[in-house]
Structure formats: C-alpha cells, structure tokens
C-alpha cells in the first residue's frame, strides 16, 4: 500500500542543485515500489 509520490513536484524553496537531485530521487520511487 503506497500513496502520495508527487512526481514532477515543483520543489519550491530548494536551490537548483538540490532540486535536480530530488527530482531524480522522486523518479526512482516507482521502481523502488515495484
């Protein structure tokens, strides 16, 4: 049971380097769940 992945989140308040890292991490969630 999973929920609230929020892929493509705008990640407001993070600097660009951190935002890019978090976006990459978010995109790994589907495969981690599988």
ModelCIF file with pLDDT and N, C-alpha, C, O atoms, coordinates in Angstrom:
data_MODEL
#
_entry.id   MODEL 
#
_entity.id                         1 
_entity.type                       polymer 
_entity.pdbx_number_of_molecules   1 
#
_entity_poly.entity_id                      1 
_entity_poly.type                           'polypeptide(L)' 
_entity_poly.nstd_linkage                   no 
_entity_poly.nstd_monomer                   no 
_entity_poly.pdbx_seq_one_letter_code       
;(UNK)(UNK)(UNK)(UNK)(UNK)(UNK)(UNK)(UNK)(UNK)(UNK)(UNK)(UNK)(UNK)(UNK)(UNK)(UNK)
(UNK)(UNK)(UNK)(UNK)(UNK)(UNK)(UNK)(UNK)(UNK)(UNK)(UNK)(UNK)(UNK)(UNK)(UNK)(UNK)
(UNK)(UNK)
;
_entity_poly.pdbx_seq_one_letter_code_can   XXXXXXXXXXXXXXXXXXXXXXXXXXXXXXXXXX 
_entity_poly.pdbx_strand_id                 A 
#
loop_
_entity_poly_seq.entity_id 
_entity_poly_seq.num 
_entity_poly_seq.mon_id 
_entity_poly_seq.hetero 
1 1  UNK n 
1 2  UNK n 
1 3  UNK n 
1 4  UNK n 
1 5  UNK n 
1 6  UNK n 
1 7  UNK n 
1 8  UNK n 
1 9  UNK n 
1 10 UNK n 
1 11 UNK n 
1 12 UNK n 
1 13 UNK n 
1 14 UNK n 
1 15 UNK n 
1 16 UNK n 
1 17 UNK n 
1 18 UNK n 
1 19 UNK n 
1 20 UNK n 
1 21 UNK n 
1 22 UNK n 
1 23 UNK n 
1 24 UNK n 
1 25 UNK n 
1 26 UNK n 
1 27 UNK n 
1 28 UNK n 
1 29 UNK n 
1 30 UNK n 
1 31 UNK n 
1 32 UNK n 
1 33 UNK n 
1 34 UNK n 
#
_struct_asym.id          A 
_struct_asym.entity_id   1 
#
loop_
_ma_qa_metric.id 
_ma_qa_metric.mode 
_ma_qa_metric.name 
_ma_qa_metric.software_group_id 
_ma_qa_metric.type 
1 global pLDDT . pLDDT 
2 local  pLDDT . pLDDT 
#
_ma_qa_metric_global.metric_id      1 
_ma_qa_metric_global.metric_value   93.91 
_ma_qa_metric_global.model_id       1 
_ma_qa_metric_global.ordinal_id     1 
#
loop_
_ma_qa_metric_local.label_asym_id 
_ma_qa_metric_local.label_comp_id 
_ma_qa_metric_local.label_seq_id 
_ma_qa_metric_local.metric_id 
_ma_qa_metric_local.metric_value 
_ma_qa_metric_local.model_id 
_ma_qa_metric_local.ordinal_id 
A UNK 1  2 98.00 1 1  
A UNK 2  2 98.00 1 2  
A UNK 3  2 98.00 1 3  
A UNK 4  2 98.00 1 4  
A UNK 5  2 98.00 1 5  
A UNK 6  2 97.00 1 6  
A UNK 7  2 97.00 1 7  
A UNK 8  2 94.00 1 8  
A UNK 9  2 93.00 1 9  
A UNK 10 2 90.00 1 10 
A UNK 11 2 89.00 1 11 
A UNK 12 2 82.00 1 12 
A UNK 13 2 81.00 1 13 
A UNK 14 2 85.00 1 14 
A UNK 15 2 88.00 1 15 
A UNK 16 2 91.00 1 16 
A UNK 17 2 92.00 1 17 
A UNK 18 2 93.00 1 18 
A UNK 19 2 93.00 1 19 
A UNK 20 2 94.00 1 20 
A UNK 21 2 94.00 1 21 
A UNK 22 2 95.00 1 22 
A UNK 23 2 94.00 1 23 
A UNK 24 2 94.00 1 24 
A UNK 25 2 95.00 1 25 
A UNK 26 2 96.00 1 26 
A UNK 27 2 96.00 1 27 
A UNK 28 2 96.00 1 28 
A UNK 29 2 97.00 1 29 
A UNK 30 2 98.00 1 30 
A UNK 31 2 97.00 1 31 
A UNK 32 2 97.00 1 32 
A UNK 33 2 97.00 1 33 
A UNK 34 2 98.00 1 34 
#
loop_
_atom_site.group_PDB 
_atom_site.id 
_atom_site.type_symbol 
_atom_site.label_atom_id 
_atom_site.label_alt_id 
_atom_site.label_comp_id 
_atom_site.label_asym_id 
_atom_site.label_entity_id 
_atom_site.label_seq_id 
_atom_site.pdbx_PDB_ins_code 
_atom_site.Cartn_x 
_atom_site.Cartn_y 
_atom_site.Cartn_z 
_atom_site.occupancy 
_atom_site.B_iso_or_equiv 
_atom_site.pdbx_formal_charge 
_atom_site.auth_seq_id 
_atom_site.auth_comp_id 
_atom_site.auth_asym_id 
_atom_site.auth_atom_id 
_atom_site.pdbx_PDB_model_num 
ATOM 1   N N  . UNK A 1 1  ? 0.858  -1.188 0.000   1.00 98.00 ? 1  UNK A N  1 
ATOM 2   C CA . UNK A 1 1  ? 0.000  0.000  0.000   1.00 98.00 ? 1  UNK A CA 1 
ATOM 3   C C  . UNK A 1 1  ? 0.894  1.238  0.000   1.00 98.00 ? 1  UNK A C  1 
ATOM 4   O O  . UNK A 1 1  ? 1.689  1.444  0.917   1.00 98.00 ? 1  UNK A O  1 
ATOM 5   N N  . UNK A 1 2  ? 0.753  2.056  -1.037  1.00 98.00 ? 2  UNK A N  1 
ATOM 6   C CA . UNK A 1 2  ? 1.562  3.261  -1.158  1.00 98.00 ? 2  UNK A CA 1 
ATOM 7   C C  . UNK A 1 2  ? 0.695  4.404  -1.682  1.00 98.00 ? 2  UNK A C  1 
ATOM 8   O O  . UNK A 1 2  ? -0.397 4.179  -2.205  1.00 98.00 ? 2  UNK A O  1 
ATOM 9   N N  . UNK A 1 3  ? 1.196  5.637  -1.535  1.00 98.00 ? 3  UNK A N  1 
ATOM 10  C CA . UNK A 1 3  ? 0.442  6.816  -1.981  1.00 98.00 ? 3  UNK A CA 1 
ATOM 11  C C  . UNK A 1 3  ? 1.360  8.027  -1.986  1.00 98.00 ? 3  UNK A C  1 
ATOM 12  O O  . UNK A 1 3  ? 2.471  7.996  -1.457  1.00 98.00 ? 3  UNK A O  1 
ATOM 13  N N  . UNK A 1 4  ? 0.859  9.105  -2.607  1.00 98.00 ? 4  UNK A N  1 
ATOM 14  C CA . UNK A 1 4  ? 1.474  10.433 -2.491  1.00 98.00 ? 4  UNK A CA 1 
ATOM 15  C C  . UNK A 1 4  ? 2.933  10.479 -2.946  1.00 98.00 ? 4  UNK A C  1 
ATOM 16  O O  . UNK A 1 4  ? 3.814  10.935 -2.217  1.00 98.00 ? 4  UNK A O  1 
ATOM 17  N N  . UNK A 1 5  ? 3.167  9.996  -4.169  1.00 98.00 ? 5  UNK A N  1 
ATOM 18  C CA . UNK A 1 5  ? 4.519  10.069 -4.728  1.00 98.00 ? 5  UNK A CA 1 
ATOM 19  C C  . UNK A 1 5  ? 4.843  11.495 -5.165  1.00 98.00 ? 5  UNK A C  1 
ATOM 20  O O  . UNK A 1 5  ? 5.984  11.935 -5.023  1.00 98.00 ? 5  UNK A O  1 
ATOM 21  N N  . UNK A 1 6  ? 3.871  12.217 -5.688  1.00 97.00 ? 6  UNK A N  1 
ATOM 22  C CA . UNK A 1 6  ? 4.023  13.611 -6.113  1.00 97.00 ? 6  UNK A CA 1 
ATOM 23  C C  . UNK A 1 6  ? 5.171  13.801 -7.107  1.00 97.00 ? 6  UNK A C  1 
ATOM 24  O O  . UNK A 1 6  ? 6.006  14.693 -6.959  1.00 97.00 ? 6  UNK A O  1 
ATOM 25  N N  . UNK A 1 7  ? 5.187  12.939 -8.120  1.00 97.00 ? 7  UNK A N  1 
ATOM 26  C CA . UNK A 1 7  ? 6.170  13.097 -9.187  1.00 97.00 ? 7  UNK A CA 1 
ATOM 27  C C  . UNK A 1 7  ? 5.942  14.420 -9.912  1.00 97.00 ? 7  UNK A C  1 
ATOM 28  O O  . UNK A 1 7  ? 4.808  14.877 -10.057 1.00 97.00 ? 7  UNK A O  1 
ATOM 29  N N  . UNK A 1 8  ? 7.033  15.024 -10.363 1.00 94.00 ? 8  UNK A N  1 
ATOM 30  C CA . UNK A 1 8  ? 7.013  16.334 -11.031 1.00 94.00 ? 8  UNK A CA 1 
ATOM 31  C C  . UNK A 1 8  ? 6.654  17.469 -10.073 1.00 94.00 ? 8  UNK A C  1 
ATOM 32  O O  . UNK A 1 8  ? 6.173  18.520 -10.497 1.00 94.00 ? 8  UNK A O  1 
ATOM 33  N N  . UNK A 1 9  ? 6.887  17.255 -8.807  1.00 93.00 ? 9  UNK A N  1 
ATOM 34  C CA . UNK A 1 9  ? 6.669  18.316 -7.828  1.00 93.00 ? 9  UNK A CA 1 
ATOM 35  C C  . UNK A 1 9  ? 7.585  19.496 -8.121  1.00 93.00 ? 9  UNK A C  1 
ATOM 36  O O  . UNK A 1 9  ? 8.728  19.281 -8.525  1.00 93.00 ? 9  UNK A O  1 
ATOM 37  N N  . UNK A 1 10 ? 7.128  20.749 -7.931  1.00 90.00 ? 10 UNK A N  1 
ATOM 38  C CA . UNK A 1 10 ? 7.970  21.918 -8.236  1.00 90.00 ? 10 UNK A CA 1 
ATOM 39  C C  . UNK A 1 10 ? 9.124  22.112 -7.261  1.00 90.00 ? 10 UNK A C  1 
ATOM 40  O O  . UNK A 1 10 ? 10.084 22.812 -7.582  1.00 90.00 ? 10 UNK A O  1 
ATOM 41  N N  . UNK A 1 11 ? 9.052  21.499 -6.064  1.00 89.00 ? 11 UNK A N  1 
ATOM 42  C CA . UNK A 1 11 ? 10.162 21.555 -5.098  1.00 89.00 ? 11 UNK A CA 1 
ATOM 43  C C  . UNK A 1 11 ? 10.561 22.995 -4.791  1.00 89.00 ? 11 UNK A C  1 
ATOM 44  O O  . UNK A 1 11 ? 11.728 23.370 -4.909  1.00 89.00 ? 11 UNK A O  1 
ATOM 45  N N  . UNK A 1 12 ? 9.590  23.778 -4.403  1.00 82.00 ? 12 UNK A N  1 
ATOM 46  C CA . UNK A 1 12 ? 9.815  25.185 -4.063  1.00 82.00 ? 12 UNK A CA 1 
ATOM 47  C C  . UNK A 1 12 ? 10.688 25.286 -2.814  1.00 82.00 ? 12 UNK A C  1 
ATOM 48  O O  . UNK A 1 12 ? 10.529 24.515 -1.867  1.00 82.00 ? 12 UNK A O  1 
ATOM 49  N N  . UNK A 1 13 ? 11.618 26.252 -2.825  1.00 81.00 ? 13 UNK A N  1 
ATOM 50  C CA . UNK A 1 13 ? 12.439 26.507 -1.655  1.00 81.00 ? 13 UNK A CA 1 
ATOM 51  C C  . UNK A 1 13 ? 13.779 25.810 -1.649  1.00 81.00 ? 13 UNK A C  1 
ATOM 52  O O  . UNK A 1 13 ? 14.575 26.023 -0.734  1.00 81.00 ? 13 UNK A O  1 
ATOM 53  N N  . UNK A 1 14 ? 14.050 24.995 -2.630  1.00 85.00 ? 14 UNK A N  1 
ATOM 54  C CA . UNK A 1 14 ? 15.346 24.315 -2.729  1.00 85.00 ? 14 UNK A CA 1 
ATOM 55  C C  . UNK A 1 14 ? 16.191 25.014 -3.793  1.00 85.00 ? 14 UNK A C  1 
ATOM 56  O O  . UNK A 1 14 ? 15.651 25.568 -4.751  1.00 85.00 ? 14 UNK A O  1 
ATOM 57  N N  . UNK A 1 15 ? 17.519 24.988 -3.626  1.00 88.00 ? 15 UNK A N  1 
ATOM 58  C CA . UNK A 1 15 ? 18.350 25.528 -4.691  1.00 88.00 ? 15 UNK A CA 1 
ATOM 59  C C  . UNK A 1 15 ? 18.338 24.569 -5.879  1.00 88.00 ? 15 UNK A C  1 
ATOM 60  O O  . UNK A 1 15 ? 17.896 23.428 -5.749  1.00 88.00 ? 15 UNK A O  1 
ATOM 61  N N  . UNK A 1 16 ? 18.818 25.022 -7.028  1.00 91.00 ? 16 UNK A N  1 
ATOM 62  C CA . UNK A 1 16 ? 18.672 24.251 -8.247  1.00 91.00 ? 16 UNK A CA 1 
ATOM 63  C C  . UNK A 1 16 ? 19.374 22.899 -8.165  1.00 91.00 ? 16 UNK A C  1 
ATOM 64  O O  . UNK A 1 16 ? 18.849 21.892 -8.641  1.00 91.00 ? 16 UNK A O  1 
ATOM 65  N N  . UNK A 1 17 ? 20.562 22.878 -7.563  1.00 92.00 ? 17 UNK A N  1 
ATOM 66  C CA . UNK A 1 17 ? 21.294 21.604 -7.447  1.00 92.00 ? 17 UNK A CA 1 
ATOM 67  C C  . UNK A 1 17 ? 20.502 20.601 -6.618  1.00 92.00 ? 17 UNK A C  1 
ATOM 68  O O  . UNK A 1 17 ? 20.365 19.437 -6.996  1.00 92.00 ? 17 UNK A O  1 
ATOM 69  N N  . UNK A 1 18 ? 19.986 21.059 -5.492  1.00 93.00 ? 18 UNK A N  1 
ATOM 70  C CA . UNK A 1 18 ? 19.217 20.156 -4.631  1.00 93.00 ? 18 UNK A CA 1 
ATOM 71  C C  . UNK A 1 18 ? 17.916 19.746 -5.301  1.00 93.00 ? 18 UNK A C  1 
ATOM 72  O O  . UNK A 1 18 ? 17.502 18.591 -5.192  1.00 93.00 ? 18 UNK A O  1 
ATOM 73  N N  . UNK A 1 19 ? 17.263 20.679 -5.994  1.00 93.00 ? 19 UNK A N  1 
ATOM 74  C CA . UNK A 1 19 ? 16.015 20.360 -6.688  1.00 93.00 ? 19 UNK A CA 1 
ATOM 75  C C  . UNK A 1 19 ? 16.232 19.280 -7.736  1.00 93.00 ? 19 UNK A C  1 
ATOM 76  O O  . UNK A 1 19 ? 15.427 18.356 -7.853  1.00 93.00 ? 19 UNK A O  1 
ATOM 77  N N  . UNK A 1 20 ? 17.316 19.389 -8.498  1.00 94.00 ? 20 UNK A N  1 
ATOM 78  C CA . UNK A 1 20 ? 17.598 18.385 -9.520  1.00 94.00 ? 20 UNK A CA 1 
ATOM 79  C C  . UNK A 1 20 ? 17.842 17.017 -8.892  1.00 94.00 ? 20 UNK A C  1 
ATOM 80  O O  . UNK A 1 20 ? 17.377 15.996 -9.400  1.00 94.00 ? 20 UNK A O  1 
ATOM 81  N N  . UNK A 1 21 ? 18.572 17.009 -7.792  1.00 94.00 ? 21 UNK A N  1 
ATOM 82  C CA . UNK A 1 21 ? 18.819 15.740 -7.092  1.00 94.00 ? 21 UNK A CA 1 
ATOM 83  C C  . UNK A 1 21 ? 17.509 15.127 -6.610  1.00 94.00 ? 21 UNK A C  1 
ATOM 84  O O  . UNK A 1 21 ? 17.290 13.928 -6.783  1.00 94.00 ? 21 UNK A O  1 
ATOM 85  N N  . UNK A 1 22 ? 16.637 15.932 -6.009  1.00 95.00 ? 22 UNK A N  1 
ATOM 86  C CA . UNK A 1 22 ? 15.365 15.424 -5.501  1.00 95.00 ? 22 UNK A CA 1 
ATOM 87  C C  . UNK A 1 22 ? 14.464 14.938 -6.630  1.00 95.00 ? 22 UNK A C  1 
ATOM 88  O O  . UNK A 1 22 ? 13.752 13.946 -6.472  1.00 95.00 ? 22 UNK A O  1 
ATOM 89  N N  . UNK A 1 23 ? 14.490 15.629 -7.767  1.00 94.00 ? 23 UNK A N  1 
ATOM 90  C CA . UNK A 1 23 ? 13.681 15.175 -8.910  1.00 94.00 ? 23 UNK A CA 1 
ATOM 91  C C  . UNK A 1 23 ? 14.143 13.792 -9.367  1.00 94.00 ? 23 UNK A C  1 
ATOM 92  O O  . UNK A 1 23 ? 13.324 12.925 -9.674  1.00 94.00 ? 23 UNK A O  1 
ATOM 93  N N  . UNK A 1 24 ? 15.450 13.596 -9.410  1.00 94.00 ? 24 UNK A N  1 
ATOM 94  C CA . UNK A 1 24 ? 15.974 12.272 -9.791  1.00 94.00 ? 24 UNK A CA 1 
ATOM 95  C C  . UNK A 1 24 ? 15.551 11.215 -8.781  1.00 94.00 ? 24 UNK A C  1 
ATOM 96  O O  . UNK A 1 24 ? 15.193 10.098 -9.153  1.00 94.00 ? 24 UNK A O  1 
ATOM 97  N N  . UNK A 1 25 ? 15.593 11.573 -7.505  1.00 95.00 ? 25 UNK A N  1 
ATOM 98  C CA . UNK A 1 25 ? 15.176 10.638 -6.465  1.00 95.00 ? 25 UNK A CA 1 
ATOM 99  C C  . UNK A 1 25 ? 13.694 10.295 -6.581  1.00 95.00 ? 25 UNK A C  1 
ATOM 100 O O  . UNK A 1 25 ? 13.312 9.135  -6.430  1.00 95.00 ? 25 UNK A O  1 
ATOM 101 N N  . UNK A 1 26 ? 12.858 11.299 -6.848  1.00 96.00 ? 26 UNK A N  1 
ATOM 102 C CA . UNK A 1 26 ? 11.424 11.039 -6.999  1.00 96.00 ? 26 UNK A CA 1 
ATOM 103 C C  . UNK A 1 26 ? 11.162 10.055 -8.137  1.00 96.00 ? 26 UNK A C  1 
ATOM 104 O O  . UNK A 1 26 ? 10.284 9.198  -8.034  1.00 96.00 ? 26 UNK A O  1 
ATOM 105 N N  . UNK A 1 27 ? 11.921 10.180 -9.214  1.00 96.00 ? 27 UNK A N  1 
ATOM 106 C CA . UNK A 1 27 ? 11.704 9.308  -10.365 1.00 96.00 ? 27 UNK A CA 1 
ATOM 107 C C  . UNK A 1 27 ? 12.107 7.859  -10.095 1.00 96.00 ? 27 UNK A C  1 
ATOM 108 O O  . UNK A 1 27 ? 11.743 6.966  -10.861 1.00 96.00 ? 27 UNK A O  1 
ATOM 109 N N  . UNK A 1 28 ? 12.854 7.614  -9.014  1.00 96.00 ? 28 UNK A N  1 
ATOM 110 C CA . UNK A 1 28 ? 13.222 6.230  -8.663  1.00 96.00 ? 28 UNK A CA 1 
ATOM 111 C C  . UNK A 1 28 ? 12.134 5.540  -7.844  1.00 96.00 ? 28 UNK A C  1 
ATOM 112 O O  . UNK A 1 28 ? 12.189 4.327  -7.646  1.00 96.00 ? 28 UNK A O  1 
ATOM 113 N N  . UNK A 1 29 ? 11.146 6.299  -7.367  1.00 97.00 ? 29 UNK A N  1 
ATOM 114 C CA . UNK A 1 29 ? 10.138 5.714  -6.480  1.00 97.00 ? 29 UNK A CA 1 
ATOM 115 C C  . UNK A 1 29 ? 9.354  4.587  -7.149  1.00 97.00 ? 29 UNK A C  1 
ATOM 116 O O  . UNK A 1 29 ? 9.194  3.535  -6.530  1.00 97.00 ? 29 UNK A O  1 
ATOM 117 N N  . UNK A 1 30 ? 8.851  4.746  -8.393  1.00 98.00 ? 30 UNK A N  1 
ATOM 118 C CA . UNK A 1 30 ? 8.085  3.635  -8.985  1.00 98.00 ? 30 UNK A CA 1 
ATOM 119 C C  . UNK A 1 30 ? 8.852  2.316  -9.006  1.00 98.00 ? 30 UNK A C  1 
ATOM 120 O O  . UNK A 1 30 ? 8.298  1.271  -8.666  1.00 98.00 ? 30 UNK A O  1 
ATOM 121 N N  . UNK A 1 31 ? 10.115 2.361  -9.400  1.00 97.00 ? 31 UNK A N  1 
ATOM 122 C CA . UNK A 1 31 ? 10.885 1.121  -9.452  1.00 97.00 ? 31 UNK A CA 1 
ATOM 123 C C  . UNK A 1 31 ? 11.195 0.595  -8.055  1.00 97.00 ? 31 UNK A C  1 
ATOM 124 O O  . UNK A 1 31 ? 11.225 -0.618 -7.848  1.00 97.00 ? 31 UNK A O  1 
ATOM 125 N N  . UNK A 1 32 ? 11.425 1.485  -7.096  1.00 97.00 ? 32 UNK A N  1 
ATOM 126 C CA . UNK A 1 32 ? 11.643 1.040  -5.709  1.00 97.00 ? 32 UNK A CA 1 
ATOM 127 C C  . UNK A 1 32 ? 10.404 0.311  -5.175  1.00 97.00 ? 32 UNK A C  1 
ATOM 128 O O  . UNK A 1 32 ? 10.516 -0.720 -4.513  1.00 97.00 ? 32 UNK A O  1 
ATOM 129 N N  . UNK A 1 33 ? 9.226  0.864  -5.472  1.00 97.00 ? 33 UNK A N  1 
ATOM 130 C CA . UNK A 1 33 ? 7.979  0.242  -5.029  1.00 97.00 ? 33 UNK A CA 1 
ATOM 131 C C  . UNK A 1 33 ? 7.806  -1.119 -5.698  1.00 97.00 ? 33 UNK A C  1 
ATOM 132 O O  . UNK A 1 33 ? 7.452  -2.098 -5.041  1.00 97.00 ? 33 UNK A O  1 
ATOM 133 N N  . UNK A 1 34 ? 8.057  -1.176 -7.013  1.00 98.00 ? 34 UNK A N  1 
ATOM 134 C CA . UNK A 1 34 ? 7.921  -2.443 -7.736  1.00 98.00 ? 34 UNK A CA 1 
ATOM 135 C C  . UNK A 1 34 ? 8.894  -3.485 -7.197  1.00 98.00 ? 34 UNK A C  1 
ATOM 136 O O  . UNK A 1 34 ? 8.923  -4.615 -7.686  1.00 98.00 ? 34 UNK A O  1 
#
